PDB file of N, CA and C in Angstrom:
ATOM      1  N   UNK A   1    -127.531  36.479 -73.333  1.00  0.00           N
ATOM      2  CA  UNK A   1    -126.021  35.409 -72.958  1.00  0.00           C
ATOM      3  C   UNK A   1    -126.502  34.073 -72.383  1.00  0.00           C
ATOM      4  N   UNK A   2    -125.922  32.917 -73.123  1.00  0.00           N
ATOM      5  CA  UNK A   2    -125.966  31.679 -72.137  1.00  0.00           C
ATOM      6  C   UNK A   2    -124.656  31.429 -71.527  1.00  0.00           C
ATOM      7  N   UNK A   3    -124.697  30.972 -70.229  1.00  0.00           N
ATOM      8  CA  UNK A   3    -123.715  30.679 -69.734  1.00  0.00           C
ATOM      9  C   UNK A   3    -123.907  28.967 -69.582  1.00  0.00           C
ATOM     10  N   UNK A   4    -122.833  28.215 -69.547  1.00  0.00           N
ATOM     11  CA  UNK A   4    -123.117  26.663 -69.396  1.00  0.00           C
ATOM     12  C   UNK A   4    -121.891  26.254 -67.965  1.00  0.00           C
ATOM     13  N   UNK A   5    -122.291  25.884 -67.257  1.00  0.00           N
ATOM     14  CA  UNK A   5    -121.356  25.317 -66.475  1.00  0.00           C
ATOM     15  C   UNK A   5    -121.671  23.518 -65.955  1.00  0.00           C
ATOM     16  N   UNK A   6    -120.237  23.270 -65.823  1.00  0.00           N
ATOM     17  CA  UNK A   6    -120.531  21.592 -65.099  1.00  0.00           C
ATOM     18  C   UNK A   6    -121.370  21.426 -64.370  1.00  0.00           C
ATOM     19  N   UNK A   7    -121.682  20.272 -64.213  1.00  0.00           N
ATOM     20  CA  UNK A   7    -122.501  19.581 -63.355  1.00  0.00           C
ATOM     21  C   UNK A   7    -121.817  20.157 -61.509  1.00  0.00           C
ATOM     22  N   UNK A   8    -120.753  19.734 -61.437  1.00  0.00           N
ATOM     23  CA  UNK A   8    -119.701  19.757 -60.349  1.00  0.00           C
ATOM     24  C   UNK A   8    -119.944  21.579 -59.840  1.00  0.00           C
ATOM     25  N   UNK A   9    -119.956  22.439 -60.911  1.00  0.00           N
ATOM     26  CA  UNK A   9    -120.004  23.612 -60.395  1.00  0.00           C
ATOM     27  C   UNK A   9    -121.195  23.975 -60.274  1.00  0.00           C
ATOM     28  N   UNK A  10    -122.473  23.592 -60.730  1.00  0.00           N
ATOM     29  CA  UNK A  10    -123.984  23.983 -60.090  1.00  0.00           C
ATOM     30  C   UNK A  10    -124.008  23.303 -59.120  1.00  0.00           C
ATOM     31  N   UNK A  11    -123.262  22.611 -58.757  1.00  0.00           N
ATOM     32  CA  UNK A  11    -123.735  21.657 -57.290  1.00  0.00           C
ATOM     33  C   UNK A  11    -123.125  22.463 -56.471  1.00  0.00           C
ATOM     34  N   UNK A  12    -121.995  22.905 -56.621  1.00  0.00           N
ATOM     35  CA  UNK A  12    -121.228  23.804 -55.796  1.00  0.00           C
ATOM     36  C   UNK A  12    -122.018  25.409 -55.300  1.00  0.00           C
ATOM     37  N   UNK A  13    -122.293  25.909 -56.577  1.00  0.00           N
ATOM     38  CA  UNK A  13    -123.248  27.075 -56.528  1.00  0.00           C
ATOM     39  C   UNK A  13    -124.761  26.676 -55.597  1.00  0.00           C
ATOM     40  N   UNK A  14    -125.323  25.742 -56.208  1.00  0.00           N
ATOM     41  CA  UNK A  14    -126.281  25.296 -55.050  1.00  0.00           C
ATOM     42  C   UNK A  14    -126.143  25.077 -53.591  1.00  0.00           C
ATOM     43  N   UNK A  15    -125.192  24.717 -53.218  1.00  0.00           N
ATOM     44  CA  UNK A  15    -124.981  24.292 -51.944  1.00  0.00           C
ATOM     45  C   UNK A  15    -124.396  25.610 -51.381  1.00  0.00           C
ATOM     46  N   UNK A  16    -123.861  26.424 -52.114  1.00  0.00           N
ATOM     47  CA  UNK A  16    -123.403  28.004 -51.387  1.00  0.00           C
ATOM     48  C   UNK A  16    -125.008  29.062 -51.308  1.00  0.00           C
ATOM     49  N   UNK A  17    -126.049  28.505 -52.001  1.00  0.00           N
ATOM     50  CA  UNK A  17    -127.041  29.543 -52.140  1.00  0.00           C
ATOM     51  C   UNK A  17    -128.215  29.032 -51.570  1.00  0.00           C
ATOM     52  N   UNK A  18    -128.314  27.537 -51.309  1.00  0.00           N
ATOM     53  CA  UNK A  18    -129.696  27.023 -50.618  1.00  0.00           C
ATOM     54  C   UNK A  18    -129.465  26.592 -49.365  1.00  0.00           C
ATOM     55  N   UNK A  19    -130.212  26.409 -48.583  1.00  0.00           N
ATOM     56  CA  UNK A  19    -130.425  25.816 -47.313  1.00  0.00           C
ATOM     57  C   UNK A  19    -128.950  26.337 -46.295  1.00  0.00           C
ATOM     58  N   UNK A  20    -129.428  28.081 -46.192  1.00  0.00           N
ATOM     59  CA  UNK A  20    -128.802  28.704 -45.335  1.00  0.00           C
ATOM     60  C   UNK A  20    -129.565  29.519 -44.506  1.00  0.00           C
ATOM     61  N   UNK A  21    -129.205  29.587 -43.055  1.00  0.00           N
ATOM     62  CA  UNK A  21    -130.102  29.856 -42.022  1.00  0.00           C
ATOM     63  C   UNK A  21    -129.269  31.537 -41.669  1.00  0.00           C
ATOM     64  N   UNK A  22    -130.577  32.181 -40.967  1.00  0.00           N
ATOM     65  CA  UNK A  22    -129.680  33.011 -40.169  1.00  0.00           C
ATOM     66  C   UNK A  22    -130.445  33.256 -38.580  1.00  0.00           C
ATOM     67  N   UNK A  23    -129.818  34.046 -37.955  1.00  0.00           N
ATOM     68  CA  UNK A  23    -130.472  34.694 -36.593  1.00  0.00           C
ATOM     69  C   UNK A  23    -129.762  35.942 -36.058  1.00  0.00           C
ATOM     70  N   UNK A  24    -130.615  36.582 -35.446  1.00  0.00           N
ATOM     71  CA  UNK A  24    -129.787  37.639 -35.013  1.00  0.00           C
ATOM     72  C   UNK A  24    -129.673  37.557 -33.534  1.00  0.00           C
ATOM     73  N   UNK A  25    -128.743  38.153 -33.293  1.00  0.00           N
ATOM     74  CA  UNK A  25    -128.341  37.968 -31.618  1.00  0.00           C
ATOM     75  C   UNK A  25    -127.804  39.550 -31.235  1.00  0.00           C
ATOM     76  N   UNK A  26    -128.540  40.067 -30.104  1.00  0.00           N
ATOM     77  CA  UNK A  26    -128.084  41.387 -29.674  1.00  0.00           C
ATOM     78  C   UNK A  26    -127.673  41.117 -28.181  1.00  0.00           C
ATOM     79  N   UNK A  27    -126.353  41.078 -27.774  1.00  0.00           N
ATOM     80  CA  UNK A  27    -126.197  41.088 -26.375  1.00  0.00           C
ATOM     81  C   UNK A  27    -126.366  39.478 -26.335  1.00  0.00           C
ATOM     82  N   UNK A  28    -127.007  39.181 -25.165  1.00  0.00           N
ATOM     83  CA  UNK A  28    -127.416  37.407 -24.732  1.00  0.00           C
ATOM     84  C   UNK A  28    -128.670  37.063 -25.129  1.00  0.00           C
ATOM     85  N   UNK A  29    -129.273  37.685 -26.098  1.00  0.00           N
ATOM     86  CA  UNK A  29    -130.292  37.446 -26.506  1.00  0.00           C
ATOM     87  C   UNK A  29    -130.747  37.136 -28.218  1.00  0.00           C
ATOM     88  N   UNK A  30    -130.945  35.708 -28.603  1.00  0.00           N
ATOM     89  CA  UNK A  30    -130.751  35.461 -29.821  1.00  0.00           C
ATOM     90  C   UNK A  30    -132.202  34.828 -30.308  1.00  0.00           C
ATOM     91  N   UNK A  31    -132.467  35.177 -31.823  1.00  0.00           N
ATOM     92  CA  UNK A  31    -133.595  34.865 -32.086  1.00  0.00           C
ATOM     93  C   UNK A  31    -133.698  33.170 -32.513  1.00  0.00           C
ATOM     94  N   UNK A  32    -134.717  32.853 -32.801  1.00  0.00           N
ATOM     95  CA  UNK A  32    -134.676  31.667 -33.195  1.00  0.00           C
ATOM     96  C   UNK A  32    -134.238  31.238 -34.802  1.00  0.00           C
ATOM     97  N   UNK A  33    -133.787  30.467 -35.361  1.00  0.00           N
ATOM     98  CA  UNK A  33    -133.055  30.350 -36.589  1.00  0.00           C
ATOM     99  C   UNK A  33    -133.987  30.115 -37.821  1.00  0.00           C
ATOM    100  N   UNK A  34    -133.920  31.224 -38.668  1.00  0.00           N
ATOM    101  CA  UNK A  34    -135.052  31.022 -39.948  1.00  0.00           C
ATOM    102  C   UNK A  34    -133.975  30.844 -41.047  1.00  0.00           C
ATOM    103  N   UNK A  35    -134.537  30.255 -41.831  1.00  0.00           N
ATOM    104  CA  UNK A  35    -134.378  29.974 -43.412  1.00  0.00           C
ATOM    105  C   UNK A  35    -134.185  30.740 -44.339  1.00  0.00           C
ATOM    106  N   UNK A  36    -133.308  31.228 -44.964  1.00  0.00           N
ATOM    107  CA  UNK A  36    -133.109  32.253 -46.017  1.00  0.00           C
ATOM    108  C   UNK A  36    -133.210  31.721 -47.224  1.00  0.00           C
ATOM    109  N   UNK A  37    -134.456  32.457 -47.763  1.00  0.00           N
ATOM    110  CA  UNK A  37    -135.159  31.606 -48.999  1.00  0.00           C
ATOM    111  C   UNK A  37    -134.662  32.487 -50.421  1.00  0.00           C
ATOM    112  N   UNK A  38    -133.786  33.355 -50.505  1.00  0.00           N
ATOM    113  CA  UNK A  38    -133.249  34.034 -51.520  1.00  0.00           C
ATOM    114  C   UNK A  38    -131.904  34.810 -51.081  1.00  0.00           C
ATOM    115  N   UNK A  39    -131.097  35.038 -52.121  1.00  0.00           N
ATOM    116  CA  UNK A  39    -130.149  35.928 -52.154  1.00  0.00           C
ATOM    117  C   UNK A  39    -129.234  35.051 -51.874  1.00  0.00           C
ATOM    118  N   UNK A  40    -127.792  35.890 -52.162  1.00  0.00           N
ATOM    119  CA  UNK A  40    -126.123  35.081 -51.651  1.00  0.00           C
ATOM    120  C   UNK A  40    -125.853  35.712 -50.601  1.00  0.00           C
ATOM    121  N   UNK A  41    -124.909  35.424 -49.634  1.00  0.00           N
ATOM    122  CA  UNK A  41    -124.464  35.957 -48.440  1.00  0.00           C
ATOM    123  C   UNK A  41    -123.780  37.182 -48.662  1.00  0.00           C
ATOM    124  N   UNK A  42    -124.312  38.518 -47.948  1.00  0.00           N
ATOM    125  CA  UNK A  42    -123.651  39.557 -48.227  1.00  0.00           C
ATOM    126  C   UNK A  42    -122.018  39.849 -47.703  1.00  0.00           C
ATOM    127  N   UNK A  43    -121.317  40.252 -48.491  1.00  0.00           N
ATOM    128  CA  UNK A  43    -119.865  40.452 -47.965  1.00  0.00           C
ATOM    129  C   UNK A  43    -118.892  39.069 -48.540  1.00  0.00           C
ATOM    130  N   UNK A  44    -120.100  38.021 -49.347  1.00  0.00           N
ATOM    131  CA  UNK A  44    -118.889  36.689 -49.976  1.00  0.00           C
ATOM    132  C   UNK A  44    -118.263  37.016 -51.182  1.00  0.00           C
ATOM    133  N   UNK A  45    -117.578  36.212 -51.162  1.00  0.00           N
ATOM    134  CA  UNK A  45    -116.706  36.261 -52.253  1.00  0.00           C
ATOM    135  C   UNK A  45    -117.474  36.368 -53.666  1.00  0.00           C
ATOM    136  N   UNK A  46    -118.314  34.866 -53.751  1.00  0.00           N
ATOM    137  CA  UNK A  46    -119.133  35.018 -54.494  1.00  0.00           C
ATOM    138  C   UNK A  46    -120.037  35.737 -55.083  1.00  0.00           C
ATOM    139  N   UNK A  47    -120.409  36.328 -54.082  1.00  0.00           N
ATOM    140  CA  UNK A  47    -121.859  37.077 -54.094  1.00  0.00           C
ATOM    141  C   UNK A  47    -121.980  38.313 -55.511  1.00  0.00           C
ATOM    142  N   UNK A  48    -120.836  39.211 -55.799  1.00  0.00           N
ATOM    143  CA  UNK A  48    -120.776  39.858 -57.137  1.00  0.00           C
ATOM    144  C   UNK A  48    -120.663  39.246 -58.223  1.00  0.00           C
ATOM    145  N   UNK A  49    -119.856  37.956 -58.207  1.00  0.00           N
ATOM    146  CA  UNK A  49    -120.382  37.214 -59.541  1.00  0.00           C
ATOM    147  C   UNK A  49    -121.547  36.446 -59.720  1.00  0.00           C
ATOM    148  N   UNK A  50    -122.037  36.108 -58.734  1.00  0.00           N
ATOM    149  CA  UNK A  50    -123.637  35.376 -58.962  1.00  0.00           C
ATOM    150  C   UNK A  50    -124.417  36.906 -59.329  1.00  0.00           C
ATOM    151  N   UNK A  51    -124.324  37.816 -58.784  1.00  0.00           N
ATOM    152  CA  UNK A  51    -125.259  39.054 -59.138  1.00  0.00           C
ATOM    153  C   UNK A  51    -124.909  39.083 -60.613  1.00  0.00           C
ATOM    154  N   UNK A  52    -123.643  39.153 -61.205  1.00  0.00           N
ATOM    155  CA  UNK A  52    -123.426  39.714 -62.336  1.00  0.00           C
ATOM    156  C   UNK A  52    -124.152  38.874 -63.530  1.00  0.00           C
ATOM    157  N   UNK A  53    -123.825  37.290 -63.222  1.00  0.00           N
ATOM    158  CA  UNK A  53    -124.831  36.354 -63.727  1.00  0.00           C
ATOM    159  C   UNK A  53    -125.932  36.379 -63.742  1.00  0.00           C
ATOM    160  N   UNK A  54    -126.728  36.686 -62.897  1.00  0.00           N
ATOM    161  CA  UNK A  54    -128.172  37.001 -62.864  1.00  0.00           C
ATOM    162  C   UNK A  54    -128.562  37.942 -63.733  1.00  0.00           C
ATOM    163  N   UNK A  55    -127.676  39.246 -63.412  1.00  0.00           N
ATOM    164  CA  UNK A  55    -128.285  40.556 -64.015  1.00  0.00           C
ATOM    165  C   UNK A  55    -127.821  40.880 -65.490  1.00  0.00           C
ATOM    166  N   UNK A  56    -126.705  40.338 -65.996  1.00  0.00           N
ATOM    167  CA  UNK A  56    -125.948  40.628 -67.083  1.00  0.00           C
ATOM    168  C   UNK A  56    -127.021  40.684 -68.506  1.00  0.00           C
ATOM    169  N   UNK A  57    -128.048  39.425 -68.600  1.00  0.00           N
ATOM    170  CA  UNK A  57    -128.815  39.574 -69.766  1.00  0.00           C
ATOM    171  C   UNK A  57    -130.079  40.727 -69.642  1.00  0.00           C
ATOM    172  N   UNK A  58    -130.205  41.425 -68.597  1.00  0.00           N
ATOM    173  CA  UNK A  58    -131.459  42.082 -68.374  1.00  0.00           C
ATOM    174  C   UNK A  58    -131.816  43.097 -69.457  1.00  0.00           C
ATOM    175  N   UNK A  59    -130.480  43.507 -70.269  1.00  0.00           N
ATOM    176  CA  UNK A  59    -130.721  44.549 -71.594  1.00  0.00           C
ATOM    177  C   UNK A  59    -131.896  43.971 -72.122  1.00  0.00           C
ATOM    178  N   UNK A  60    -131.228  42.574 -72.586  1.00  0.00           N
ATOM    179  CA  UNK A  60    -131.957  41.711 -73.900  1.00  0.00           C
ATOM    180  C   UNK A  60    -133.406  41.776 -73.670  1.00  0.00           C
ATOM    181  N   UNK A  61    -133.979  42.022 -72.387  1.00  0.00           N
ATOM    182  CA  UNK A  61    -135.659  41.798 -72.100  1.00  0.00           C
ATOM    183  C   UNK A  61    -136.144  43.211 -72.188  1.00  0.00           C
ATOM    184  N   UNK A  62    -135.428  44.317 -72.846  1.00  0.00           N
ATOM    185  CA  UNK A  62    -136.055  45.547 -72.706  1.00  0.00           C
ATOM    186  C   UNK A  62    -136.238  45.883 -73.899  1.00  0.00           C
ATOM    187  N   UNK A  63    -137.416  46.797 -74.654  1.00  0.00           N
ATOM    188  CA  UNK A  63    -137.457  46.932 -75.910  1.00  0.00           C
ATOM    189  C   UNK A  63    -136.206  47.913 -76.507  1.00  0.00           C
ATOM    190  N   UNK A  64    -135.863  47.567 -77.411  1.00  0.00           N
ATOM    191  CA  UNK A  64    -135.042  48.027 -78.495  1.00  0.00           C
ATOM    192  C   UNK A  64    -134.758  49.774 -78.414  1.00  0.00           C
ATOM    193  N   UNK A  65    -136.151  50.591 -77.963  1.00  0.00           N
ATOM    194  CA  UNK A  65    -136.090  51.859 -78.032  1.00  0.00           C
ATOM    195  C   UNK A  65    -135.782  52.354 -76.666  1.00  0.00           C
ATOM    196  N   UNK A  66    -135.505  51.457 -75.633  1.00  0.00           N
ATOM    197  CA  UNK A  66    -135.409  52.018 -74.261  1.00  0.00           C
ATOM    198  C   UNK A  66    -133.914  51.951 -73.854  1.00  0.00           C
ATOM    199  N   UNK A  67    -133.599  52.766 -73.110  1.00  0.00           N
ATOM    200  CA  UNK A  67    -132.147  52.862 -72.651  1.00  0.00           C
ATOM    201  C   UNK A  67    -132.151  52.428 -71.110  1.00  0.00           C
ATOM    202  N   UNK A  68    -131.350  51.638 -71.040  1.00  0.00           N
ATOM    203  CA  UNK A  68    -131.187  51.000 -69.756  1.00  0.00           C
ATOM    204  C   UNK A  68    -129.704  51.178 -69.407  1.00  0.00           C
ATOM    205  N   UNK A  69    -129.584  51.523 -68.024  1.00  0.00           N
ATOM    206  CA  UNK A  69    -128.420  52.141 -67.458  1.00  0.00           C
ATOM    207  C   UNK A  69    -128.266  51.156 -66.199  1.00  0.00           C
ATOM    208  N   UNK A  70    -127.207  50.640 -66.098  1.00  0.00           N
ATOM    209  CA  UNK A  70    -126.611  49.723 -65.455  1.00  0.00           C
ATOM    210  C   UNK A  70    -125.578  49.933 -64.302  1.00  0.00           C
ATOM    211  N   UNK A  71    -125.496  50.271 -63.123  1.00  0.00           N
ATOM    212  CA  UNK A  71    -124.213  50.510 -62.635  1.00  0.00           C
ATOM    213  C   UNK A  71    -124.249  49.611 -61.234  1.00  0.00           C
ATOM    214  N   UNK A  72    -123.362  49.247 -61.087  1.00  0.00           N
ATOM    215  CA  UNK A  72    -123.156  48.222 -59.414  1.00  0.00           C
ATOM    216  C   UNK A  72    -124.441  47.461 -59.565  1.00  0.00           C
ATOM    217  N   UNK A  73    -124.986  47.561 -58.508  1.00  0.00           N
ATOM    218  CA  UNK A  73    -126.546  47.012 -57.982  1.00  0.00           C
ATOM    219  C   UNK A  73    -127.586  47.532 -58.300  1.00  0.00           C
ATOM    220  N   UNK A  74    -127.529  48.685 -59.308  1.00  0.00           N
ATOM    221  CA  UNK A  74    -128.587  49.680 -59.642  1.00  0.00           C
ATOM    222  C   UNK A  74    -129.208  49.777 -61.049  1.00  0.00           C
ATOM    223  N   UNK A  75    -130.267  49.626 -61.222  1.00  0.00           N
ATOM    224  CA  UNK A  75    -130.441  49.689 -63.031  1.00  0.00           C
ATOM    225  C   UNK A  75    -131.707  50.836 -63.046  1.00  0.00           C
ATOM    226  N   UNK A  76    -131.721  51.562 -64.136  1.00  0.00           N
ATOM    227  CA  UNK A  76    -132.551  52.404 -64.317  1.00  0.00           C
ATOM    228  C   UNK A  76    -132.874  52.207 -66.078  1.00  0.00           C
ATOM    229  N   UNK A  77    -134.251  52.200 -66.492  1.00  0.00           N
ATOM    230  CA  UNK A  77    -134.806  52.243 -67.852  1.00  0.00           C
ATOM    231  C   UNK A  77    -135.516  53.434 -67.787  1.00  0.00           C
ATOM    232  N   UNK A  78    -135.076  54.043 -69.078  1.00  0.00           N
ATOM    233  CA  UNK A  78    -135.395  55.310 -69.530  1.00  0.00           C
ATOM    234  C   UNK A  78    -136.607  54.924 -70.933  1.00  0.00           C
ATOM    235  N   UNK A  79    -137.306  55.716 -70.736  1.00  0.00           N
ATOM    236  CA  UNK A  79    -138.462  55.449 -71.971  1.00  0.00           C
ATOM    237  C   UNK A  79    -139.021  56.633 -72.122  1.00  0.00           C
ATOM    238  N   UNK A  80    -139.104  57.212 -73.649  1.00  0.00           N
ATOM    239  CA  UNK A  80    -139.813  58.613 -74.047  1.00  0.00           C
ATOM    240  C   UNK A  80    -140.532  58.245 -74.814  1.00  0.00           C
ATOM    241  N   UNK A  81    -142.046  59.278 -75.198  1.00  0.00           N
ATOM    242  CA  UNK A  81    -142.410  59.475 -76.584  1.00  0.00           C
ATOM    243  C   UNK A  81    -143.967  59.771 -75.854  1.00  0.00           C
ATOM    244  N   UNK A  82    -144.918  59.770 -76.793  1.00  0.00           N
ATOM    245  CA  UNK A  82    -146.129  60.126 -76.512  1.00  0.00           C
ATOM    246  C   UNK A  82    -147.176  59.263 -76.113  1.00  0.00           C
ATOM    247  N   UNK A  83    -146.900  58.128 -76.441  1.00  0.00           N
ATOM    248  CA  UNK A  83    -147.880  57.016 -75.693  1.00  0.00           C
ATOM    249  C   UNK A  83    -146.786  55.785 -74.921  1.00  0.00           C
ATOM    250  N   UNK A  84    -146.490  56.091 -73.698  1.00  0.00           N
ATOM    251  CA  UNK A  84    -145.380  54.924 -73.359  1.00  0.00           C
ATOM    252  C   UNK A  84    -146.557  53.869 -72.597  1.00  0.00           C
ATOM    253  N   UNK A  85    -146.014  52.708 -73.008  1.00  0.00           N
ATOM    254  CA  UNK A  85    -146.714  51.716 -72.474  1.00  0.00           C
ATOM    255  C   UNK A  85    -145.677  50.866 -71.303  1.00  0.00           C
TER     256      UNK A  85
END
């Protein structure tokens, strides 16, 4: 499946995903800010949609004889035969 987005939508999604930082704070002690290099914010509104866009075409990259199960954020590929490669 091919998705086409306008340049303004891509710009919005890019600003949502890139240049994010996190730190850990326990009581009065906190870590240094660290850049987040991958993923989307957990618990975010756009997170599930971005995940679905990412995972949606995974079945098209698996051999036709394989069975792929997709459920929420879990995927399983089943293969059987005498010579599984």
